[in-house]
């Protein structure tokens, strides 16, 4: 590594600190993926300094798409009714690579299947006063629910009503 004159090191360190502060402020406000961070600050900072900051924040765990998936999935599970397919599309729309999502889904398949089935059952309960069972099933299929989840939800719904 080339040793720069003292004044250039100070300027570069100040620039790195400025970039790091802006990126951290953006990350701390709301969880973000690496792609979201890159899109937000594209063409804002010197590329070399920005890459250096991104790599450092990844090493420190501030930028971690695997962690983002875990937190986002847990949030969706507690707040929304959705199919695994919808969940995957939401994660893809945040710029997370498909292979990372696929790995997470295969490692957590049982948990996600249980969530999808419970979501389908909740939709049956909510829509049963407004729609026929066949229409609810069609609605669920359009939302990307697997046939297995729809059948299990229908079975639970008809058994309990």
N, C-alpha and C. Protein backbone atom coordinates (compact mmCIF):
# COMPACT_ATOMS: atom_id res chain seq x y z
N UNK A 1 0.84 -1.18 0.00
CA UNK A 1 0.00 0.00 0.00
C UNK A 1 0.89 1.24 0.00
N UNK A 2 0.54 2.18 -0.85
CA UNK A 2 1.30 3.41 -0.97
C UNK A 2 0.97 4.35 0.20
N UNK A 3 1.98 4.94 0.78
CA UNK A 3 1.77 5.88 1.88
C UNK A 3 1.60 7.26 1.27
N UNK A 4 0.45 7.84 1.54
CA UNK A 4 0.15 9.16 0.99
C UNK A 4 0.67 10.24 1.92
N UNK A 5 0.90 11.41 1.37
CA UNK A 5 1.26 12.53 2.27
C UNK A 5 0.17 12.72 3.31
N UNK A 6 0.56 13.23 4.45
CA UNK A 6 -0.31 13.38 5.61
C UNK A 6 -1.64 14.06 5.27
N UNK A 7 -1.63 15.14 4.53
CA UNK A 7 -2.85 15.90 4.23
C UNK A 7 -3.82 15.07 3.39
N UNK A 8 -3.32 14.27 2.44
CA UNK A 8 -4.21 13.45 1.62
C UNK A 8 -4.85 12.35 2.44
N UNK A 9 -4.12 11.76 3.41
CA UNK A 9 -4.70 10.75 4.29
C UNK A 9 -5.83 11.33 5.11
N UNK A 10 -5.64 12.51 5.64
CA UNK A 10 -6.67 13.18 6.45
C UNK A 10 -7.91 13.43 5.61
N UNK A 11 -7.71 13.96 4.41
CA UNK A 11 -8.85 14.24 3.54
C UNK A 11 -9.61 12.96 3.19
N UNK A 12 -8.86 11.91 2.88
CA UNK A 12 -9.52 10.65 2.54
C UNK A 12 -10.26 10.08 3.75
N UNK A 13 -9.65 10.15 4.93
CA UNK A 13 -10.31 9.67 6.14
C UNK A 13 -11.59 10.46 6.44
N UNK A 14 -11.53 11.77 6.22
CA UNK A 14 -12.72 12.60 6.42
C UNK A 14 -13.81 12.22 5.43
N UNK A 15 -13.41 11.96 4.20
CA UNK A 15 -14.37 11.56 3.17
C UNK A 15 -14.99 10.20 3.52
N UNK A 16 -14.17 9.25 3.94
CA UNK A 16 -14.67 7.93 4.34
C UNK A 16 -15.65 8.08 5.51
N UNK A 17 -15.29 8.89 6.47
CA UNK A 17 -16.15 9.11 7.63
C UNK A 17 -17.49 9.73 7.23
N UNK A 18 -17.45 10.67 6.31
CA UNK A 18 -18.67 11.31 5.82
C UNK A 18 -19.58 10.29 5.12
N UNK A 19 -18.99 9.48 4.25
CA UNK A 19 -19.76 8.46 3.52
C UNK A 19 -20.34 7.46 4.51
N UNK A 20 -19.51 6.98 5.43
CA UNK A 20 -19.95 6.00 6.41
C UNK A 20 -21.10 6.54 7.26
N UNK A 21 -21.01 7.79 7.66
CA UNK A 21 -22.07 8.41 8.47
C UNK A 21 -23.38 8.48 7.71
N UNK A 22 -23.31 8.89 6.45
CA UNK A 22 -24.54 8.99 5.64
C UNK A 22 -25.17 7.62 5.41
N UNK A 23 -24.34 6.62 5.10
CA UNK A 23 -24.86 5.28 4.85
C UNK A 23 -25.44 4.69 6.14
N UNK A 24 -24.73 4.85 7.25
CA UNK A 24 -25.23 4.33 8.52
C UNK A 24 -26.54 4.99 8.93
N UNK A 25 -26.65 6.28 8.71
CA UNK A 25 -27.90 6.98 9.03
C UNK A 25 -29.05 6.38 8.21
N UNK A 26 -28.79 6.12 6.94
CA UNK A 26 -29.79 5.53 6.05
C UNK A 26 -30.17 4.12 6.51
N UNK A 27 -29.18 3.34 6.93
CA UNK A 27 -29.42 1.96 7.38
C UNK A 27 -30.16 1.94 8.71
N UNK A 28 -29.80 2.82 9.61
CA UNK A 28 -30.38 2.80 10.96
C UNK A 28 -31.83 3.27 10.96
N UNK A 29 -32.19 4.09 10.01
CA UNK A 29 -33.57 4.57 9.93
C UNK A 29 -34.53 3.42 9.68
N UNK A 30 -34.12 2.51 8.79
CA UNK A 30 -34.94 1.37 8.41
C UNK A 30 -34.02 0.30 7.85
N UNK A 31 -34.34 -0.96 8.09
CA UNK A 31 -33.47 -2.02 7.55
C UNK A 31 -33.42 -1.92 6.03
N UNK A 32 -32.23 -2.14 5.48
CA UNK A 32 -32.02 -1.97 4.04
C UNK A 32 -31.18 -3.12 3.50
N UNK A 33 -31.39 -3.41 2.23
CA UNK A 33 -30.55 -4.39 1.55
C UNK A 33 -29.36 -3.66 0.93
N UNK A 34 -28.36 -4.44 0.53
CA UNK A 34 -27.20 -3.84 -0.12
C UNK A 34 -27.61 -3.12 -1.40
N UNK A 35 -28.53 -3.70 -2.15
CA UNK A 35 -28.99 -3.07 -3.39
C UNK A 35 -29.67 -1.74 -3.12
N UNK A 36 -30.50 -1.69 -2.09
CA UNK A 36 -31.17 -0.43 -1.75
C UNK A 36 -30.14 0.66 -1.41
N UNK A 37 -29.11 0.28 -0.68
CA UNK A 37 -28.07 1.23 -0.30
C UNK A 37 -27.33 1.72 -1.54
N UNK A 38 -26.97 0.76 -2.39
CA UNK A 38 -26.26 1.13 -3.62
C UNK A 38 -27.12 2.04 -4.50
N UNK A 39 -28.39 1.74 -4.63
CA UNK A 39 -29.28 2.57 -5.45
C UNK A 39 -29.44 3.98 -4.87
N UNK A 40 -29.56 4.06 -3.57
CA UNK A 40 -29.74 5.37 -2.92
C UNK A 40 -28.53 6.29 -3.15
N UNK A 41 -27.33 5.73 -3.04
CA UNK A 41 -26.13 6.56 -3.08
C UNK A 41 -25.36 6.46 -4.40
N UNK A 42 -25.98 5.87 -5.42
CA UNK A 42 -25.33 5.77 -6.73
C UNK A 42 -24.96 7.16 -7.22
N UNK A 43 -23.73 7.31 -7.66
CA UNK A 43 -23.21 8.58 -8.21
C UNK A 43 -23.18 9.72 -7.18
N UNK A 44 -23.22 9.39 -5.89
CA UNK A 44 -23.18 10.42 -4.86
C UNK A 44 -21.77 10.61 -4.32
N UNK A 45 -21.04 9.52 -4.21
CA UNK A 45 -19.70 9.55 -3.62
C UNK A 45 -18.68 8.99 -4.59
N UNK A 46 -17.42 9.21 -4.29
CA UNK A 46 -16.32 8.59 -5.02
C UNK A 46 -16.51 7.07 -4.95
N UNK A 47 -16.43 6.41 -6.10
CA UNK A 47 -16.70 4.96 -6.17
C UNK A 47 -15.78 4.15 -5.26
N UNK A 48 -14.49 4.47 -5.27
CA UNK A 48 -13.54 3.70 -4.45
C UNK A 48 -13.85 3.82 -2.96
N UNK A 49 -14.13 5.02 -2.53
CA UNK A 49 -14.45 5.24 -1.11
C UNK A 49 -15.77 4.56 -0.76
N UNK A 50 -16.75 4.69 -1.63
CA UNK A 50 -18.06 4.07 -1.38
C UNK A 50 -17.93 2.55 -1.27
N UNK A 51 -17.17 1.93 -2.18
CA UNK A 51 -16.96 0.48 -2.13
C UNK A 51 -16.25 0.08 -0.84
N UNK A 52 -15.29 0.88 -0.44
CA UNK A 52 -14.55 0.61 0.79
C UNK A 52 -15.50 0.64 1.99
N UNK A 53 -16.38 1.62 2.03
CA UNK A 53 -17.34 1.75 3.12
C UNK A 53 -18.33 0.59 3.10
N UNK A 54 -18.83 0.24 1.93
CA UNK A 54 -19.77 -0.89 1.81
C UNK A 54 -19.13 -2.17 2.34
N UNK A 55 -17.92 -2.45 1.92
CA UNK A 55 -17.23 -3.66 2.37
C UNK A 55 -17.01 -3.66 3.88
N UNK A 56 -16.63 -2.52 4.42
CA UNK A 56 -16.41 -2.43 5.88
C UNK A 56 -17.72 -2.66 6.64
N UNK A 57 -18.80 -2.06 6.15
CA UNK A 57 -20.09 -2.22 6.83
C UNK A 57 -20.63 -3.64 6.69
N UNK A 58 -20.29 -4.30 5.60
CA UNK A 58 -20.66 -5.72 5.46
C UNK A 58 -19.88 -6.57 6.47
N UNK A 59 -18.58 -6.30 6.57
CA UNK A 59 -17.75 -7.05 7.53
C UNK A 59 -18.23 -6.84 8.96
N UNK A 60 -18.70 -5.64 9.27
CA UNK A 60 -19.17 -5.33 10.62
C UNK A 60 -20.61 -5.79 10.88
N UNK A 61 -21.28 -6.28 9.82
CA UNK A 61 -22.63 -6.81 9.97
C UNK A 61 -23.75 -5.78 9.83
N UNK A 62 -23.42 -4.56 9.46
CA UNK A 62 -24.46 -3.55 9.27
C UNK A 62 -25.22 -3.77 7.97
N UNK A 63 -24.54 -4.32 6.99
CA UNK A 63 -25.17 -4.68 5.72
C UNK A 63 -25.08 -6.19 5.61
N UNK A 64 -26.25 -6.85 5.64
CA UNK A 64 -26.28 -8.30 5.62
C UNK A 64 -27.62 -8.75 5.05
N UNK A 65 -27.63 -9.14 3.78
CA UNK A 65 -28.88 -9.52 3.13
C UNK A 65 -29.51 -10.76 3.76
N UNK A 66 -28.70 -11.68 4.27
CA UNK A 66 -29.26 -12.86 4.95
C UNK A 66 -30.03 -12.44 6.20
N UNK A 67 -29.44 -11.54 6.95
CA UNK A 67 -30.10 -11.03 8.15
C UNK A 67 -31.36 -10.25 7.76
N UNK A 68 -31.28 -9.50 6.67
CA UNK A 68 -32.44 -8.75 6.20
C UNK A 68 -33.60 -9.70 5.89
N UNK A 69 -33.30 -10.80 5.21
CA UNK A 69 -34.35 -11.77 4.88
C UNK A 69 -35.00 -12.28 6.15
N UNK A 70 -34.20 -12.69 7.11
CA UNK A 70 -34.72 -13.23 8.38
C UNK A 70 -35.65 -12.22 9.06
N UNK A 71 -35.18 -10.99 9.18
CA UNK A 71 -36.00 -9.97 9.85
C UNK A 71 -37.26 -9.64 9.05
N UNK A 72 -37.14 -9.52 7.74
CA UNK A 72 -38.30 -9.20 6.90
C UNK A 72 -39.34 -10.31 6.96
N UNK A 73 -38.90 -11.56 6.87
CA UNK A 73 -39.82 -12.69 6.92
C UNK A 73 -40.54 -12.71 8.27
N UNK A 74 -39.82 -12.52 9.35
CA UNK A 74 -40.45 -12.52 10.67
C UNK A 74 -41.47 -11.38 10.79
N UNK A 75 -41.15 -10.25 10.20
CA UNK A 75 -42.09 -9.12 10.21
C UNK A 75 -43.34 -9.45 9.41
N UNK A 76 -43.17 -10.02 8.22
CA UNK A 76 -44.32 -10.38 7.40
C UNK A 76 -45.17 -11.44 8.09
N UNK A 77 -44.52 -12.40 8.72
CA UNK A 77 -45.25 -13.47 9.40
C UNK A 77 -46.13 -12.89 10.51
N UNK A 78 -45.63 -11.90 11.21
CA UNK A 78 -46.40 -11.35 12.32
C UNK A 78 -47.45 -10.34 11.87
N UNK A 79 -47.33 -9.79 10.67
CA UNK A 79 -48.23 -8.71 10.27
C UNK A 79 -49.14 -9.00 9.07
N UNK A 80 -48.77 -9.92 8.21
CA UNK A 80 -49.50 -10.05 6.95
C UNK A 80 -49.90 -11.50 6.66
N UNK A 81 -50.85 -11.62 5.75
CA UNK A 81 -51.20 -12.91 5.17
C UNK A 81 -50.66 -12.90 3.74
N UNK A 82 -49.79 -13.85 3.44
CA UNK A 82 -49.25 -13.90 2.09
C UNK A 82 -48.72 -15.30 1.79
N UNK A 83 -48.63 -15.59 0.52
CA UNK A 83 -48.07 -16.87 0.09
C UNK A 83 -46.55 -16.78 0.08
N UNK A 84 -45.92 -17.95 0.01
CA UNK A 84 -44.46 -17.96 -0.09
C UNK A 84 -44.01 -17.28 -1.37
N UNK A 85 -44.79 -17.44 -2.42
CA UNK A 85 -44.45 -16.80 -3.70
C UNK A 85 -44.47 -15.28 -3.56
N UNK A 86 -45.51 -14.74 -2.89
CA UNK A 86 -45.57 -13.29 -2.67
C UNK A 86 -44.39 -12.83 -1.82
N UNK A 87 -44.07 -13.61 -0.82
CA UNK A 87 -42.94 -13.29 0.06
C UNK A 87 -41.64 -13.24 -0.74
N UNK A 88 -41.45 -14.20 -1.63
CA UNK A 88 -40.25 -14.23 -2.45
C UNK A 88 -40.19 -12.99 -3.37
N UNK A 89 -41.32 -12.64 -3.97
CA UNK A 89 -41.34 -11.46 -4.84
C UNK A 89 -41.02 -10.18 -4.07
N UNK A 90 -41.52 -10.08 -2.85
CA UNK A 90 -41.21 -8.91 -2.01
C UNK A 90 -39.70 -8.80 -1.78
N UNK A 91 -39.08 -9.93 -1.46
CA UNK A 91 -37.63 -9.94 -1.20
C UNK A 91 -36.85 -9.65 -2.48
N UNK A 92 -37.29 -10.23 -3.59
CA UNK A 92 -36.63 -9.96 -4.88
C UNK A 92 -36.73 -8.47 -5.23
N UNK A 93 -37.86 -7.85 -4.92
CA UNK A 93 -38.04 -6.43 -5.25
C UNK A 93 -37.11 -5.54 -4.44
N UNK A 94 -36.56 -6.07 -3.35
CA UNK A 94 -35.59 -5.31 -2.54
C UNK A 94 -34.17 -5.50 -3.05
N UNK A 95 -34.02 -6.27 -4.12
CA UNK A 95 -32.71 -6.43 -4.73
C UNK A 95 -31.90 -7.59 -4.17
N UNK A 96 -32.54 -8.45 -3.41
CA UNK A 96 -31.82 -9.60 -2.85
C UNK A 96 -31.72 -10.67 -3.94
N UNK A 97 -30.56 -11.26 -4.05
CA UNK A 97 -30.32 -12.27 -5.08
C UNK A 97 -31.19 -13.50 -4.84
N UNK A 98 -31.68 -14.04 -5.94
CA UNK A 98 -32.59 -15.19 -5.90
C UNK A 98 -31.98 -16.39 -5.18
N UNK A 99 -30.69 -16.64 -5.40
CA UNK A 99 -30.08 -17.81 -4.77
C UNK A 99 -30.03 -17.68 -3.24
N UNK A 100 -29.85 -16.46 -2.73
CA UNK A 100 -29.85 -16.24 -1.28
C UNK A 100 -31.25 -16.51 -0.72
N UNK A 101 -32.27 -16.02 -1.44
CA UNK A 101 -33.65 -16.25 -1.02
C UNK A 101 -33.97 -17.74 -1.07
N UNK A 102 -33.58 -18.40 -2.16
CA UNK A 102 -33.85 -19.84 -2.29
C UNK A 102 -33.20 -20.63 -1.17
N UNK A 103 -31.98 -20.28 -0.81
CA UNK A 103 -31.30 -20.96 0.31
C UNK A 103 -32.09 -20.78 1.60
N UNK A 104 -32.52 -19.55 1.85
CA UNK A 104 -33.30 -19.29 3.07
C UNK A 104 -34.60 -20.09 3.06
N UNK A 105 -35.28 -20.10 1.92
CA UNK A 105 -36.55 -20.81 1.82
C UNK A 105 -36.37 -22.32 2.02
N UNK A 106 -35.31 -22.88 1.46
CA UNK A 106 -35.12 -24.33 1.63
C UNK A 106 -34.75 -24.66 3.07
N UNK A 107 -33.98 -23.79 3.73
CA UNK A 107 -33.61 -24.04 5.13
C UNK A 107 -34.79 -23.85 6.08
N UNK A 108 -35.77 -23.04 5.69
CA UNK A 108 -36.89 -22.70 6.56
C UNK A 108 -38.23 -23.11 5.96
N UNK A 109 -38.22 -24.14 5.12
CA UNK A 109 -39.41 -24.52 4.38
C UNK A 109 -40.60 -24.83 5.29
N UNK A 110 -40.39 -25.61 6.34
CA UNK A 110 -41.50 -26.00 7.21
C UNK A 110 -42.15 -24.78 7.86
N UNK A 111 -41.34 -23.87 8.35
CA UNK A 111 -41.84 -22.65 8.97
C UNK A 111 -42.64 -21.82 7.96
N UNK A 112 -42.11 -21.70 6.74
CA UNK A 112 -42.77 -20.90 5.71
C UNK A 112 -44.05 -21.56 5.21
N UNK A 113 -44.04 -22.88 5.11
CA UNK A 113 -45.25 -23.60 4.72
C UNK A 113 -46.34 -23.43 5.77
N UNK A 114 -45.97 -23.52 7.02
CA UNK A 114 -46.93 -23.33 8.11
C UNK A 114 -47.51 -21.91 8.04
N UNK A 115 -46.66 -20.93 7.79
CA UNK A 115 -47.11 -19.54 7.65
C UNK A 115 -48.08 -19.41 6.48
N UNK A 116 -47.74 -20.01 5.34
CA UNK A 116 -48.61 -19.91 4.16
C UNK A 116 -49.96 -20.56 4.44
N UNK A 117 -49.96 -21.71 5.08
CA UNK A 117 -51.22 -22.40 5.38
C UNK A 117 -52.07 -21.58 6.35
N UNK A 118 -51.44 -21.00 7.36
CA UNK A 118 -52.17 -20.17 8.32
C UNK A 118 -52.72 -18.91 7.62
N UNK A 119 -51.93 -18.35 6.73
CA UNK A 119 -52.38 -17.18 5.96
C UNK A 119 -53.60 -17.54 5.10
N UNK A 120 -53.55 -18.68 4.44
CA UNK A 120 -54.67 -19.12 3.61
C UNK A 120 -55.92 -19.32 4.47
N UNK A 121 -55.73 -19.92 5.63
CA UNK A 121 -56.87 -20.12 6.54
C UNK A 121 -57.45 -18.78 6.98
N UNK A 122 -56.59 -17.82 7.31
CA UNK A 122 -57.06 -16.48 7.70
C UNK A 122 -57.86 -15.83 6.57
N UNK A 123 -57.40 -16.01 5.35
CA UNK A 123 -58.12 -15.43 4.21
C UNK A 123 -59.47 -16.12 4.04
N UNK A 124 -59.53 -17.43 4.23
CA UNK A 124 -60.81 -18.14 4.19
C UNK A 124 -61.77 -17.53 5.21
N UNK A 125 -61.29 -17.32 6.41
CA UNK A 125 -62.14 -16.76 7.48
C UNK A 125 -62.61 -15.35 7.13
N UNK A 126 -61.70 -14.52 6.64
CA UNK A 126 -62.05 -13.13 6.34
C UNK A 126 -63.02 -13.01 5.17
N UNK A 127 -62.83 -13.82 4.15
CA UNK A 127 -63.59 -13.67 2.91
C UNK A 127 -64.83 -14.56 2.84
N UNK A 128 -64.99 -15.46 3.80
CA UNK A 128 -66.09 -16.43 3.72
C UNK A 128 -67.47 -15.77 3.73
N UNK A 129 -67.60 -14.63 4.38
CA UNK A 129 -68.91 -13.97 4.39
C UNK A 129 -69.15 -13.18 3.11
N UNK A 130 -68.12 -12.97 2.33
CA UNK A 130 -68.23 -12.17 1.11
C UNK A 130 -68.18 -13.00 -0.17
N UNK A 131 -67.54 -14.17 -0.09
CA UNK A 131 -67.29 -14.94 -1.31
C UNK A 131 -67.63 -16.42 -1.10
N UNK A 132 -67.87 -17.09 -2.20
CA UNK A 132 -68.06 -18.55 -2.17
C UNK A 132 -66.70 -19.22 -2.01
N UNK A 133 -66.70 -20.44 -1.51
CA UNK A 133 -65.46 -21.17 -1.28
C UNK A 133 -64.64 -21.30 -2.57
N UNK A 134 -65.30 -21.60 -3.69
CA UNK A 134 -64.58 -21.74 -4.95
C UNK A 134 -63.89 -20.42 -5.35
N UNK A 135 -64.55 -19.31 -5.07
CA UNK A 135 -63.97 -18.00 -5.40
C UNK A 135 -62.78 -17.69 -4.49
N UNK A 136 -62.88 -18.09 -3.24
CA UNK A 136 -61.76 -17.89 -2.31
C UNK A 136 -60.56 -18.72 -2.77
N UNK A 137 -60.82 -19.95 -3.18
CA UNK A 137 -59.74 -20.82 -3.67
C UNK A 137 -59.08 -20.21 -4.91
N UNK A 138 -59.89 -19.68 -5.81
CA UNK A 138 -59.36 -19.03 -7.01
C UNK A 138 -58.52 -17.81 -6.62
N UNK A 139 -59.02 -17.02 -5.67
CA UNK A 139 -58.29 -15.86 -5.18
C UNK A 139 -56.92 -16.27 -4.64
N UNK A 140 -56.89 -17.34 -3.84
CA UNK A 140 -55.64 -17.81 -3.26
C UNK A 140 -54.67 -18.30 -4.34
N UNK A 141 -55.20 -18.99 -5.34
CA UNK A 141 -54.33 -19.45 -6.44
C UNK A 141 -53.70 -18.26 -7.16
N UNK A 142 -54.49 -17.23 -7.40
CA UNK A 142 -53.98 -16.03 -8.07
C UNK A 142 -52.90 -15.35 -7.24
N UNK A 143 -52.98 -15.48 -5.92
CA UNK A 143 -51.99 -14.89 -5.02
C UNK A 143 -50.74 -15.75 -4.89
N UNK A 144 -50.74 -16.92 -5.53
CA UNK A 144 -49.54 -17.76 -5.53
C UNK A 144 -49.50 -18.82 -4.46
N UNK A 145 -50.61 -19.05 -3.77
CA UNK A 145 -50.63 -20.09 -2.74
C UNK A 145 -50.54 -21.46 -3.41
N UNK A 146 -49.83 -22.36 -2.76
CA UNK A 146 -49.70 -23.72 -3.27
C UNK A 146 -51.01 -24.48 -3.04
N UNK A 147 -51.30 -25.43 -3.93
CA UNK A 147 -52.53 -26.22 -3.80
C UNK A 147 -52.62 -26.90 -2.43
N UNK A 148 -51.50 -27.39 -1.96
CA UNK A 148 -51.47 -28.06 -0.65
C UNK A 148 -51.94 -27.11 0.46
N UNK A 149 -51.49 -25.88 0.42
CA UNK A 149 -51.89 -24.89 1.43
C UNK A 149 -53.37 -24.55 1.31
N UNK A 150 -53.85 -24.43 0.09
CA UNK A 150 -55.26 -24.11 -0.14
C UNK A 150 -56.14 -25.25 0.38
N UNK A 151 -55.77 -26.50 0.04
CA UNK A 151 -56.56 -27.65 0.50
C UNK A 151 -56.57 -27.76 2.01
N UNK A 152 -55.42 -27.58 2.63
CA UNK A 152 -55.36 -27.66 4.10
C UNK A 152 -56.18 -26.55 4.75
N UNK A 153 -56.10 -25.36 4.21
CA UNK A 153 -56.87 -24.24 4.75
C UNK A 153 -58.36 -24.46 4.58
N UNK A 154 -58.75 -24.95 3.42
CA UNK A 154 -60.17 -25.24 3.17
C UNK A 154 -60.66 -26.31 4.13
N UNK A 155 -59.85 -27.33 4.31
CA UNK A 155 -60.22 -28.42 5.22
C UNK A 155 -60.42 -27.89 6.65
N UNK A 156 -59.47 -27.10 7.12
CA UNK A 156 -59.59 -26.52 8.46
C UNK A 156 -60.79 -25.60 8.58
N UNK A 157 -61.01 -24.82 7.54
CA UNK A 157 -62.13 -23.89 7.56
C UNK A 157 -63.47 -24.64 7.59
N UNK A 158 -63.64 -25.63 6.72
CA UNK A 158 -64.91 -26.36 6.67
C UNK A 158 -65.14 -27.20 7.92
N UNK A 159 -64.05 -27.70 8.51
CA UNK A 159 -64.16 -28.48 9.74
C UNK A 159 -64.59 -27.62 10.92
N UNK A 160 -64.13 -26.38 10.95
CA UNK A 160 -64.44 -25.48 12.06
C UNK A 160 -65.70 -24.67 11.87
N UNK A 161 -66.32 -24.74 10.69
CA UNK A 161 -67.53 -23.94 10.44
C UNK A 161 -68.69 -24.78 10.02
